[in-house]
Amino acid sequence: MRLSRFVPLVAVAAPASAWAVDAAEAEHIRLAEEMRKLAARNAWRGVEAKYTTMLELEKKGVVVTVEDHMLGAQAARQLGSVYDVFLRLNAANTLAPSDELKGQIAAIESSYGLVKLDVDDKFKEDYTFKPERMPMDPSKRKAIEVVQREVAEERKFIGMLPVGRYTLATQTFDVTNGVEERLEVYIGPVRRNKNKAGKTDTGAVAVREREGFRLDLGPQFTRMGGTSVEDSEGAVSASADIASSASLGGRAGLGYEFFLKKGWSFMIQGGWHGGFAGSTQGSTTPDLNVAVQDPASKGIQSVYGWAAPTWYYDDLSITIGPTYSYVRAQAVAVDADADGAFTGNLTCGGATASIFYGLFDTPGIANSRSGFSAAAGVFVSKSMMTFPWAQVAFTIAPEG
């Protein structure tokens, strides 16, 4: 193909890319103007919404200005979100460092601490959040009121609280200044167990125990290396080689995670892994004079087991561990005499790694988060034939 044929495509692609950047910048200018108008009317929720939308434009190459970050920080301050104020002041200071900005950041670090409050869905008793003493400073008072509202409505809060002593349900704790370490307070379900004397002991679970069912469901792509195919019909078996092939399909797994200790759980999962649409290059086996030449292979079907430890932190979890699979590979073989279908049956070891991020609470399931995961792995047969694969899945997993 001549190079001149590509010139019109390049000429079209370049203006299209420039147009996308110009459109994003035009949207940025529009949002910035609306933010200023809303701020002039003290419509801070509107400013917050525009600023959040503006941050999405950074993915398209737009540079959010110092003025934008400062308006965002002012909106967050008026709405009582001190942690957002802190983050936005830091963003502005990164773009244009100044003593004034550094002073504001230092003032927050000296008067507030980073916390995570978490009330288990199974905790049925009162979980009121309250300070030992409500501060007189109106900004600190508003920050505490925001936390009280979020805990009451969402059962959780991640952000900053004024330095002081607080009570959540039955736990009393002290918030110290600084952002180097985050204080985590978890209110778990109350367990009632009978001791040796026949009396009932009660006690809340100390940490959130990440335990429950996990579901992974989504499309996958598998690359099937050369493998052996057996004729499953008749008294005499024969075999042929299948050269490298690829298939698109799906992967579905259901398992259970068992809590080990804070930050760690152990998962056992079983499921199906199959490919339907694919292509196969032909190869010939000299002994059988059989060539596998079908341009669209029948792909693979397999069932698998996966046992793996899981490390988790908030909504992020990483699971890595060994797998064992029974794989059934199918292809069409054509010889000189007759057509025939060949099926290869393999047992494979392997490994799988998955990274998951929870985006929202799973409706109707307590202590569960739904989101998306990316996974990759490989099946390896006894003869060292490999089946690497990758998947993007919708995942439901226990809350960590």
Protein backbone atom coordinates (compact mmCIF):
# COMPACT_ATOMS: atom_id res chain seq x y z
CA MET A 1 0.00 0.00 0.00
CA ARG A 2 1.37 3.41 -0.95
CA LEU A 3 2.15 5.95 1.75
CA SER A 4 0.07 8.55 -0.06
CA ARG A 5 -3.07 6.64 0.87
CA PHE A 6 -2.45 7.41 4.54
CA VAL A 7 -2.02 11.15 4.06
CA PRO A 8 -5.78 11.96 4.01
CA LEU A 9 -6.30 9.88 7.16
CA VAL A 10 -3.55 11.76 9.02
CA ALA A 11 -4.93 15.05 7.79
CA VAL A 12 -8.37 14.16 9.19
CA ALA A 13 -7.10 12.68 12.49
CA ALA A 14 -4.96 15.68 13.44
CA PRO A 15 -7.76 18.30 13.22
CA ALA A 16 -10.11 15.90 15.03
CA SER A 17 -7.68 15.59 17.94
CA ALA A 18 -7.16 19.35 18.05
CA TRP A 19 -10.91 19.91 17.93
CA ALA A 20 -11.39 17.60 20.96
CA VAL A 21 -8.82 19.57 22.97
CA ASP A 22 -10.34 22.89 21.93
CA ALA A 23 -13.82 21.67 22.88
CA ALA A 24 -12.59 20.56 26.32
CA GLU A 25 -10.87 23.90 26.90
CA ALA A 26 -14.01 25.76 25.82
CA GLU A 27 -16.00 23.73 28.35
CA HIS A 28 -13.39 24.57 31.00
CA ILE A 29 -13.78 28.29 30.30
CA ARG A 30 -17.56 27.99 30.51
CA LEU A 31 -17.43 26.12 33.84
CA ALA A 32 -14.93 28.60 35.30
CA GLU A 33 -17.21 31.52 34.40
CA GLU A 34 -20.23 29.76 35.94
CA MET A 35 -18.24 29.02 39.10
CA ARG A 36 -17.41 32.72 39.52
CA LYS A 37 -21.04 33.73 39.05
CA LEU A 38 -22.27 31.10 41.52
CA ALA A 39 -19.63 32.11 44.08
CA ALA A 40 -20.75 35.73 43.81
CA ARG A 41 -24.25 34.56 44.83
CA ASN A 42 -22.88 32.31 47.61
CA ALA A 43 -24.31 29.28 45.77
CA TRP A 44 -21.57 26.99 47.04
CA ARG A 45 -23.23 23.70 46.19
CA GLY A 46 -23.38 24.87 42.60
CA VAL A 47 -19.70 25.84 42.73
CA GLU A 48 -18.87 22.37 44.12
CA ALA A 49 -20.77 20.66 41.29
CA LYS A 50 -19.04 22.75 38.61
CA TYR A 51 -15.61 22.16 40.15
CA THR A 52 -16.16 18.39 40.27
CA THR A 53 -17.18 18.44 36.61
CA MET A 54 -14.12 20.53 35.78
CA LEU A 55 -11.79 17.94 37.32
CA GLU A 56 -13.09 15.39 34.81
CA LEU A 57 -11.72 17.59 32.02
CA GLU A 58 -8.18 16.96 33.26
CA LYS A 59 -8.42 13.55 31.57
CA LYS A 60 -8.80 15.43 28.27
CA GLY A 61 -5.71 17.55 28.76
CA VAL A 62 -7.27 20.59 30.43
CA VAL A 63 -5.17 22.28 33.13
CA VAL A 64 -7.27 23.36 36.12
CA THR A 65 -5.97 26.75 37.25
CA VAL A 66 -5.01 28.01 40.69
CA GLU A 67 -8.13 30.21 40.69
CA ASP A 68 -10.28 27.14 39.96
CA HIS A 69 -8.73 25.20 42.85
CA MET A 70 -9.16 28.15 45.21
CA LEU A 71 -12.86 28.48 44.35
CA GLY A 72 -13.20 24.72 44.87
CA ALA A 73 -11.49 25.02 48.25
CA GLN A 74 -13.79 27.90 49.24
CA ALA A 75 -16.84 25.84 48.27
CA ALA A 76 -15.61 22.85 50.28
CA ARG A 77 -14.97 25.11 53.29
CA GLN A 78 -18.49 26.50 53.16
CA LEU A 79 -19.92 22.98 52.89
CA GLY A 80 -17.87 21.68 55.83
CA SER A 81 -15.59 19.25 53.94
CA VAL A 82 -12.21 20.07 55.48
CA TYR A 83 -10.37 17.23 53.72
CA ASP A 84 -11.46 18.55 50.32
CA VAL A 85 -10.24 22.01 51.37
CA PHE A 86 -6.90 20.48 52.29
CA LEU A 87 -6.55 18.61 48.98
CA ARG A 88 -7.51 21.61 46.85
CA LEU A 89 -5.20 23.98 48.67
CA ASN A 90 -2.37 21.51 48.05
CA ALA A 91 -3.30 21.34 44.37
CA ALA A 92 -3.19 25.15 44.12
CA ASN A 93 0.10 25.28 46.01
CA THR A 94 1.62 22.73 43.62
CA LEU A 95 0.83 24.99 40.66
CA ALA A 96 1.84 28.27 42.34
CA PRO A 97 3.60 27.85 45.70
CA SER A 98 3.10 30.71 48.14
CA ASP A 99 3.58 31.40 51.83
CA GLU A 100 -0.12 32.18 52.18
CA LEU A 101 -1.18 28.79 50.80
CA LYS A 102 1.42 26.97 52.87
CA GLY A 103 0.14 28.78 55.96
CA GLN A 104 -3.45 27.69 55.27
CA ILE A 105 -2.35 24.08 54.73
CA ALA A 106 -0.28 24.11 57.94
CA ALA A 107 -3.25 25.54 59.89
CA ILE A 108 -5.42 22.61 58.83
CA GLU A 109 -2.69 20.06 59.65
CA SER A 110 -2.28 21.53 63.13
CA SER A 111 -6.01 21.61 63.97
CA TYR A 112 -7.43 18.51 62.23
CA GLY A 113 -6.72 14.82 61.94
CA LEU A 114 -7.47 12.24 59.26
CA VAL A 115 -10.05 9.59 60.25
CA LYS A 116 -12.13 6.73 58.90
CA LEU A 117 -15.38 5.89 60.69
CA ASP A 118 -17.10 2.65 59.72
CA VAL A 119 -20.30 1.12 61.12
CA ASP A 120 -21.07 -2.44 60.06
CA ASP A 121 -24.44 -3.00 58.36
CA LYS A 122 -25.12 -5.78 60.87
CA PHE A 123 -24.72 -3.47 63.86
CA LYS A 124 -28.31 -2.86 64.98
CA GLU A 125 -27.79 -0.74 68.07
CA ASP A 126 -27.49 3.02 68.36
CA TYR A 127 -24.41 4.41 66.56
CA THR A 128 -24.74 8.11 67.25
CA PHE A 129 -21.58 10.10 66.59
CA LYS A 130 -20.92 13.04 68.92
CA PRO A 131 -18.01 15.14 70.19
CA GLU A 132 -17.18 15.36 73.88
CA ARG A 133 -17.47 19.13 73.52
CA MET A 134 -18.80 21.01 70.49
CA PRO A 135 -16.23 23.68 69.50
CA MET A 136 -17.15 27.35 69.30
CA ASP A 137 -15.38 27.84 65.96
CA PRO A 138 -18.19 27.78 63.35
CA SER A 139 -16.02 26.05 60.68
CA LYS A 140 -15.10 23.24 63.09
CA ARG A 141 -18.71 22.97 64.23
CA LYS A 142 -19.87 22.63 60.62
CA ALA A 143 -17.20 19.97 59.93
CA ILE A 144 -18.51 17.89 62.85
CA GLU A 145 -22.11 18.32 61.76
CA VAL A 146 -21.20 17.07 58.27
CA VAL A 147 -19.64 13.95 59.80
CA GLN A 148 -22.68 13.36 61.99
CA ARG A 149 -24.94 13.53 58.95
CA GLU A 150 -22.78 11.22 56.83
CA VAL A 151 -22.43 8.61 59.57
CA ALA A 152 -26.19 8.65 60.20
CA GLU A 153 -27.01 8.29 56.49
CA GLU A 154 -24.11 6.23 55.09
CA ARG A 155 -22.70 4.47 58.19
CA LYS A 156 -19.21 5.62 57.18
CA PHE A 157 -17.01 8.67 56.80
CA ILE A 158 -13.49 9.27 55.48
CA GLY A 159 -12.07 12.74 55.96
CA MET A 160 -10.84 15.15 58.60
CA LEU A 161 -12.13 15.99 62.08
CA PRO A 162 -11.08 18.75 64.48
CA VAL A 163 -8.66 17.61 67.17
CA GLY A 164 -10.62 16.36 70.17
CA ARG A 165 -12.41 13.44 71.83
CA TYR A 166 -15.41 11.78 70.19
CA THR A 167 -17.81 8.90 70.73
CA LEU A 168 -19.21 6.60 68.05
CA ALA A 169 -21.70 4.06 69.39
CA THR A 170 -19.88 2.56 72.40
CA GLN A 171 -16.34 3.59 71.40
CA THR A 172 -14.62 6.75 72.59
CA PHE A 173 -11.50 7.90 70.76
CA ASP A 174 -9.15 10.87 70.44
CA VAL A 175 -8.36 12.60 67.15
CA THR A 176 -4.85 14.07 67.02
CA ASN A 177 -3.50 16.55 64.50
CA GLY A 178 -1.72 15.58 61.28
CA VAL A 179 -2.30 13.57 58.11
CA GLU A 180 0.60 11.11 58.28
CA GLU A 181 -1.54 8.40 59.87
CA ARG A 182 -5.28 7.84 59.60
CA LEU A 183 -7.26 6.90 62.70
CA GLU A 184 -9.69 4.07 61.93
CA VAL A 185 -12.72 3.38 64.12
CA TYR A 186 -14.85 0.36 63.31
CA ILE A 187 -18.16 -0.52 64.97
CA GLY A 188 -18.91 -4.18 64.33
CA PRO A 189 -21.81 -6.49 65.16
CA VAL A 190 -22.12 -7.63 68.76
CA ARG A 191 -21.38 -11.31 69.33
CA ARG A 192 -22.99 -13.10 72.23
CA ASN A 193 -21.24 -16.29 73.34
CA LYS A 194 -21.74 -18.37 76.46
CA ASN A 195 -18.67 -18.81 78.61
CA LYS A 196 -17.77 -21.83 80.71
CA ALA A 197 -19.87 -20.56 83.61
CA GLY A 198 -22.94 -20.52 81.38
CA LYS A 199 -23.11 -16.75 81.32
CA THR A 200 -23.41 -14.73 78.14
CA ASP A 201 -20.47 -12.56 77.09
CA THR A 202 -21.06 -9.67 74.73
CA GLY A 203 -18.49 -7.81 72.72
CA ALA A 204 -18.27 -5.90 69.48
CA VAL A 205 -16.04 -7.16 66.70
CA ALA A 206 -12.83 -5.11 66.80
CA VAL A 207 -12.25 -4.74 63.05
CA ARG A 208 -14.39 -5.13 59.93
CA GLU A 209 -14.13 -8.78 59.00
CA ARG A 210 -14.00 -8.95 55.22
CA GLU A 211 -15.94 -12.16 54.70
CA GLY A 212 -18.66 -13.20 52.29
CA PHE A 213 -19.45 -14.29 48.75
CA ARG A 214 -17.54 -13.01 45.72
CA LEU A 215 -18.84 -13.02 42.15
CA ASP A 216 -16.81 -12.23 39.01
CA LEU A 217 -18.59 -12.06 35.67
CA GLY A 218 -17.35 -10.62 32.39
CA PRO A 219 -15.76 -11.12 28.96
CA GLN A 220 -12.32 -12.63 28.54
CA PHE A 221 -9.72 -13.16 25.83
CA THR A 222 -7.66 -16.36 25.72
CA ARG A 223 -4.61 -17.13 23.62
CA MET A 224 -4.34 -20.89 23.13
CA GLY A 225 -0.89 -22.22 22.31
CA GLY A 226 -0.16 -25.45 20.48
CA THR A 227 -1.99 -28.35 22.08
CA SER A 228 -2.87 -31.99 21.56
CA VAL A 229 -6.33 -32.94 20.31
CA GLU A 230 -7.72 -36.43 20.89
CA ASP A 231 -10.30 -38.21 18.82
CA SER A 232 -12.93 -39.09 21.39
CA GLU A 233 -14.91 -41.45 19.18
CA GLY A 234 -14.19 -45.10 18.46
CA ALA A 235 -11.99 -47.66 20.08
CA VAL A 236 -8.75 -46.24 18.71
CA SER A 237 -7.71 -42.74 19.60
CA ALA A 238 -5.63 -40.44 17.43
CA SER A 239 -4.17 -37.05 17.95
CA ALA A 240 -3.29 -33.96 16.02
CA ASP A 241 -1.57 -30.70 16.78
CA ILE A 242 -3.42 -27.41 16.97
CA ALA A 243 -1.25 -24.41 16.34
CA SER A 244 -1.64 -21.10 18.15
CA SER A 245 -5.20 -19.79 18.31
CA ALA A 246 -7.17 -17.04 20.03
CA SER A 247 -10.73 -16.90 21.31
CA LEU A 248 -13.13 -14.41 22.83
CA GLY A 249 -15.60 -15.60 25.42
CA GLY A 250 -16.63 -15.23 29.02
CA ARG A 251 -15.54 -16.12 32.52
CA ALA A 252 -17.82 -16.49 35.53
CA GLY A 253 -16.72 -17.39 39.03
CA LEU A 254 -18.43 -17.69 42.39
CA GLY A 255 -16.53 -18.07 45.61
CA TYR A 256 -16.25 -17.15 49.26
CA GLU A 257 -13.75 -14.99 51.12
CA PHE A 258 -12.73 -15.93 54.67
CA PHE A 259 -11.41 -13.24 57.00
CA LEU A 260 -7.87 -13.85 58.29
CA LYS A 261 -6.82 -10.60 59.96
CA LYS A 262 -7.08 -6.90 59.30
CA GLY A 263 -6.05 -6.31 55.70
CA TRP A 264 -6.08 -9.98 54.69
CA SER A 265 -8.62 -12.61 53.68
CA PHE A 266 -8.50 -15.93 51.83
CA MET A 267 -10.70 -16.75 48.84
CA ILE A 268 -11.82 -20.04 47.34
CA GLN A 269 -13.58 -19.78 43.97
CA GLY A 270 -14.80 -22.08 41.25
CA GLY A 271 -16.19 -21.25 37.87
CA TRP A 272 -16.39 -21.54 34.11
CA HIS A 273 -13.99 -20.15 31.52
CA GLY A 274 -14.95 -20.43 27.86
CA GLY A 275 -14.10 -19.04 24.46
CA PHE A 276 -16.44 -19.12 21.49
CA ALA A 277 -15.28 -16.89 18.62
CA GLY A 278 -11.70 -17.55 17.56
CA SER A 279 -9.27 -18.36 14.81
CA THR A 280 -6.76 -21.18 14.34
CA GLN A 281 -3.70 -21.45 12.12
CA GLY A 282 -3.20 -24.82 10.44
CA SER A 283 -0.44 -27.32 11.26
CA THR A 284 0.20 -30.87 10.13
CA THR A 285 1.11 -33.95 12.16
CA PRO A 286 3.40 -36.19 10.05
CA ASP A 287 2.28 -39.47 11.62
CA LEU A 288 -1.43 -38.86 11.00
CA ASN A 289 -1.14 -36.52 8.03
CA VAL A 290 -3.83 -34.42 9.69
CA ALA A 291 -4.00 -30.67 9.17
CA VAL A 292 -6.00 -28.41 11.46
CA GLN A 293 -6.94 -25.61 9.11
CA ASP A 294 -10.35 -24.33 10.19
CA PRO A 295 -10.22 -20.51 10.07
CA ALA A 296 -12.68 -20.25 12.97
CA SER A 297 -11.95 -22.66 15.81
CA LYS A 298 -14.56 -23.82 18.26
CA GLY A 299 -12.49 -22.36 21.07
CA ILE A 300 -12.10 -23.83 24.54
CA GLN A 301 -14.36 -24.70 27.45
CA SER A 302 -13.04 -25.19 30.97
CA VAL A 303 -13.93 -25.32 34.61
CA TYR A 304 -11.50 -24.05 37.22
CA GLY A 305 -10.76 -23.80 40.90
CA TRP A 306 -8.89 -20.86 42.42
CA ALA A 307 -7.51 -20.54 45.97
CA ALA A 308 -5.78 -17.29 46.83
CA PRO A 309 -4.98 -14.81 49.59
CA THR A 310 -6.44 -11.32 49.25
CA TRP A 311 -4.87 -8.09 50.46
CA TYR A 312 -7.34 -5.22 50.87
CA TYR A 313 -7.46 -1.59 51.90
CA ASP A 314 -10.76 0.26 51.87
CA ASP A 315 -12.33 -0.39 48.44
CA LEU A 316 -9.14 -1.74 46.83
CA SER A 317 -8.22 -5.42 46.90
CA ILE A 318 -5.59 -7.57 45.17
CA THR A 319 -5.93 -11.34 44.90
CA ILE A 320 -3.14 -13.60 43.62
CA GLY A 321 -3.01 -17.38 43.77
CA PRO A 322 -2.80 -20.74 41.99
CA THR A 323 -5.54 -22.29 39.84
CA TYR A 324 -6.33 -25.79 38.63
CA SER A 325 -8.39 -26.27 35.48
CA TYR A 326 -9.92 -28.97 33.31
CA VAL A 327 -9.77 -27.70 29.74
CA ARG A 328 -11.60 -29.04 26.70
CA ALA A 329 -10.22 -27.67 23.41
CA GLN A 330 -12.04 -28.19 20.13
CA ALA A 331 -11.01 -27.76 16.49
CA VAL A 332 -11.92 -29.07 13.07
CA ALA A 333 -9.41 -31.45 11.46
CA VAL A 334 -9.37 -32.20 7.75
CA ASP A 335 -7.43 -35.16 6.30
CA ALA A 336 -7.20 -36.57 2.84
CA ASP A 337 -10.05 -39.04 3.30
CA ALA A 338 -12.72 -37.55 5.51
CA ASP A 339 -13.63 -34.65 7.72
CA GLY A 340 -13.45 -35.17 11.43
CA ALA A 341 -13.88 -33.29 14.68
CA PHE A 342 -11.07 -33.59 17.20
CA THR A 343 -11.35 -32.78 20.88
CA GLY A 344 -8.44 -32.29 23.23
CA ASN A 345 -8.85 -32.76 27.00
CA LEU A 346 -6.23 -31.22 29.26
CA THR A 347 -5.67 -30.78 32.97
CA CYS A 348 -3.80 -27.57 33.70
CA GLY A 349 -2.21 -25.85 36.61
CA GLY A 350 -1.71 -22.12 36.56
CA ALA A 351 -2.14 -18.85 38.38
CA THR A 352 -4.49 -15.86 38.43
CA ALA A 353 -4.06 -12.28 39.62
CA SER A 354 -6.98 -9.88 40.07
CA ILE A 355 -7.30 -6.26 41.17
CA PHE A 356 -10.74 -5.03 42.29
CA TYR A 357 -12.11 -1.63 43.23
CA GLY A 358 -15.52 -1.28 44.84
CA LEU A 359 -17.61 1.65 43.63
CA PHE A 360 -20.91 1.32 45.48
CA ASP A 361 -22.77 -0.71 48.09
CA THR A 362 -24.41 -3.78 46.60
CA PRO A 363 -28.21 -3.33 46.79
CA GLY A 364 -29.85 -5.88 49.05
CA ILE A 365 -26.60 -7.45 50.30
CA ALA A 366 -25.19 -6.33 53.65
CA ASN A 367 -21.47 -5.50 53.89
CA SER A 368 -20.93 -5.95 50.17
CA ARG A 369 -19.42 -3.70 47.49
CA SER A 370 -19.88 -3.78 43.72
CA GLY A 371 -17.41 -2.51 41.17
CA PHE A 372 -15.06 -3.64 38.45
CA SER A 373 -12.01 -5.87 38.41
CA ALA A 374 -9.21 -6.63 35.97
CA ALA A 375 -7.74 -10.12 36.00
CA ALA A 376 -5.08 -12.03 34.11
CA GLY A 377 -3.76 -15.54 34.32
CA VAL A 378 -2.46 -18.58 32.53
CA PHE A 379 -3.32 -22.28 32.24
CA VAL A 380 -0.31 -24.58 31.80
CA SER A 381 -0.72 -28.22 30.76
CA LYS A 382 1.56 -31.07 31.78
CA SER A 383 3.36 -30.78 28.44
CA MET A 384 3.96 -27.06 29.13
CA MET A 385 1.41 -25.77 26.61
CA THR A 386 0.16 -22.39 27.76
CA PHE A 387 -3.20 -20.61 27.68
CA PRO A 388 -2.69 -16.98 28.76
CA TRP A 389 -5.86 -14.92 29.25
CA ALA A 390 -7.16 -11.57 30.46
CA GLN A 391 -10.55 -10.34 31.69
CA VAL A 392 -12.45 -7.23 32.73
CA ALA A 393 -15.34 -8.16 35.02
CA PHE A 394 -18.21 -6.81 37.06
CA THR A 395 -17.45 -7.95 40.60
CA ILE A 396 -19.37 -8.23 43.85
CA ALA A 397 -17.12 -8.73 46.88
CA PRO A 398 -17.23 -8.37 50.67
CA GLU A 399 -16.67 -4.90 52.07
CA GLY A 400 -13.20 -4.31 53.48
